[in-house]
Amino acid sequence: MSDTPRPTFRGKLQSSLKHFLVERARWPVDRASLAALVDMGLTNAQIAAYFAVAPDDVYMLREEYNLLHPPRD
């Protein structure tokens, strides 16, 4: 048995998201991708940080895609 701590689910999720977003996704994302991030509970600020855009940019895209409910941030 190893003494190395196992990564948490949240840590794995964040690592996977960073890899996906850095390697594959570009801003602006499609509606389905943004909806998935919102459904996972990420805030506008968190989504903005992954894409290196302003939280207002995320808000405006959510508004365009009608994804403001429930509101975040």
C-alpha atoms as a PDB file:
ATOM      1  CA  MET A   1       0.000   0.000   0.000  1.00  0.00           C
ATOM      2  CA  SER A   2       1.297   3.439  -0.909  1.00  0.00           C
ATOM      3  CA  ASP A   3       1.526   6.439   1.394  1.00  0.00           C
ATOM      4  CA  THR A   4       0.859   8.759  -1.548  1.00  0.00           C
ATOM      5  CA  PRO A   5      -2.445  10.558  -1.042  1.00  0.00           C
ATOM      6  CA  ARG A   6      -5.108   9.809  -3.638  1.00  0.00           C
ATOM      7  CA  PRO A   7      -6.322  12.794  -5.639  1.00  0.00           C
ATOM      8  CA  THR A   8      -9.785  13.961  -4.704  1.00  0.00           C
ATOM      9  CA  PHE A   9     -12.657  13.915  -7.163  1.00  0.00           C
ATOM     10  CA  ARG A  10     -12.662  17.725  -7.203  1.00  0.00           C
ATOM     11  CA  GLY A  11      -8.918  17.756  -7.897  1.00  0.00           C
ATOM     12  CA  LYS A  12      -9.327  15.285 -10.744  1.00  0.00           C
ATOM     13  CA  LEU A  13     -12.213  17.317 -12.149  1.00  0.00           C
ATOM     14  CA  GLN A  14     -10.242  20.558 -12.032  1.00  0.00           C
ATOM     15  CA  SER A  15      -7.228  18.897 -13.635  1.00  0.00           C
ATOM     16  CA  SER A  16      -9.389  17.405 -16.393  1.00  0.00           C
ATOM     17  CA  LEU A  17     -11.116  20.709 -17.017  1.00  0.00           C
ATOM     18  CA  LYS A  18      -7.834  22.587 -17.249  1.00  0.00           C
ATOM     19  CA  HIS A  19      -6.449  20.035 -19.699  1.00  0.00           C
ATOM     20  CA  PHE A  20      -9.604  20.100 -21.825  1.00  0.00           C
ATOM     21  CA  LEU A  21      -9.912  23.850 -21.854  1.00  0.00           C
ATOM     22  CA  VAL A  22      -6.254  24.593 -22.461  1.00  0.00           C
ATOM     23  CA  GLU A  23      -5.751  21.915 -25.097  1.00  0.00           C
ATOM     24  CA  ARG A  24      -9.044  21.954 -26.986  1.00  0.00           C
ATOM     25  CA  ALA A  25     -11.489  24.722 -26.254  1.00  0.00           C
ATOM     26  CA  ARG A  26     -11.359  28.281 -27.466  1.00  0.00           C
ATOM     27  CA  TRP A  27     -13.529  31.202 -26.515  1.00  0.00           C
ATOM     28  CA  PRO A  28     -16.338  31.613 -27.265  1.00  0.00           C
ATOM     29  CA  VAL A  29     -17.495  28.064 -26.602  1.00  0.00           C
ATOM     30  CA  ASP A  30     -20.625  26.514 -28.045  1.00  0.00           C
ATOM     31  CA  ARG A  31     -23.870  26.462 -26.077  1.00  0.00           C
ATOM     32  CA  ALA A  32     -23.602  22.797 -25.046  1.00  0.00           C
ATOM     33  CA  SER A  33     -20.092  23.257 -23.625  1.00  0.00           C
ATOM     34  CA  LEU A  34     -21.052  26.347 -21.652  1.00  0.00           C
ATOM     35  CA  ALA A  35     -24.223  24.657 -20.398  1.00  0.00           C
ATOM     36  CA  ALA A  36     -22.149  21.708 -19.166  1.00  0.00           C
ATOM     37  CA  LEU A  37     -19.805  24.000 -17.227  1.00  0.00           C
ATOM     38  CA  VAL A  38     -22.761  25.838 -15.694  1.00  0.00           C
ATOM     39  CA  ASP A  39     -24.470  22.543 -14.820  1.00  0.00           C
ATOM     40  CA  MET A  40     -21.302  21.424 -13.040  1.00  0.00           C
ATOM     41  CA  GLY A  41     -21.714  24.445 -10.791  1.00  0.00           C
ATOM     42  CA  LEU A  42     -18.859  26.583 -12.042  1.00  0.00           C
ATOM     43  CA  THR A  43     -19.328  30.299 -11.509  1.00  0.00           C
ATOM     44  CA  ASN A  44     -18.859  32.919 -14.187  1.00  0.00           C
ATOM     45  CA  ALA A  45     -15.553  33.846 -12.562  1.00  0.00           C
ATOM     46  CA  GLN A  46     -14.316  30.243 -12.603  1.00  0.00           C
ATOM     47  CA  ILE A  47     -15.305  29.737 -16.238  1.00  0.00           C
ATOM     48  CA  ALA A  48     -13.675  33.056 -17.139  1.00  0.00           C
ATOM     49  CA  ALA A  49     -10.430  32.038 -15.423  1.00  0.00           C
ATOM     50  CA  TYR A  50     -10.212  28.812 -17.448  1.00  0.00           C
ATOM     51  CA  PHE A  51     -10.647  30.694 -20.709  1.00  0.00           C
ATOM     52  CA  ALA A  52      -8.665  33.788 -19.690  1.00  0.00           C
ATOM     53  CA  VAL A  53     -11.609  36.090 -20.372  1.00  0.00           C
ATOM     54  CA  ALA A  54     -13.527  38.523 -18.177  1.00  0.00           C
ATOM     55  CA  PRO A  55     -16.439  37.254 -16.076  1.00  0.00           C
ATOM     56  CA  ASP A  56     -18.608  39.764 -17.957  1.00  0.00           C
ATOM     57  CA  ASP A  57     -17.767  37.923 -21.194  1.00  0.00           C
ATOM     58  CA  VAL A  58     -19.074  34.708 -19.647  1.00  0.00           C
ATOM     59  CA  TYR A  59     -22.199  36.484 -18.442  1.00  0.00           C
ATOM     60  CA  MET A  60     -22.882  37.941 -21.892  1.00  0.00           C
ATOM     61  CA  LEU A  61     -22.443  34.567 -23.593  1.00  0.00           C
ATOM     62  CA  ARG A  62     -24.701  32.918 -21.014  1.00  0.00           C
ATOM     63  CA  GLU A  63     -27.258  35.624 -21.700  1.00  0.00           C
ATOM     64  CA  GLU A  64     -26.976  35.043 -25.462  1.00  0.00           C
ATOM     65  CA  TYR A  65     -27.418  31.277 -24.957  1.00  0.00           C
ATOM     66  CA  ASN A  66     -30.248  31.802 -22.423  1.00  0.00           C
ATOM     67  CA  LEU A  67     -28.264  30.095 -19.648  1.00  0.00           C
ATOM     68  CA  LEU A  68     -28.730  32.644 -16.886  1.00  0.00           C
ATOM     69  CA  HIS A  69     -30.923  30.427 -14.691  1.00  0.00           C
ATOM     70  CA  PRO A  70     -29.913  29.738 -12.034  1.00  0.00           C
ATOM     71  CA  PRO A  71     -27.805  32.889 -11.860  1.00  0.00           C
ATOM     72  CA  ARG A  72     -24.133  32.563 -10.903  1.00  0.00           C
ATOM     73  CA  ASP A  73     -21.908  35.247  -9.391  1.00  0.00           C
END
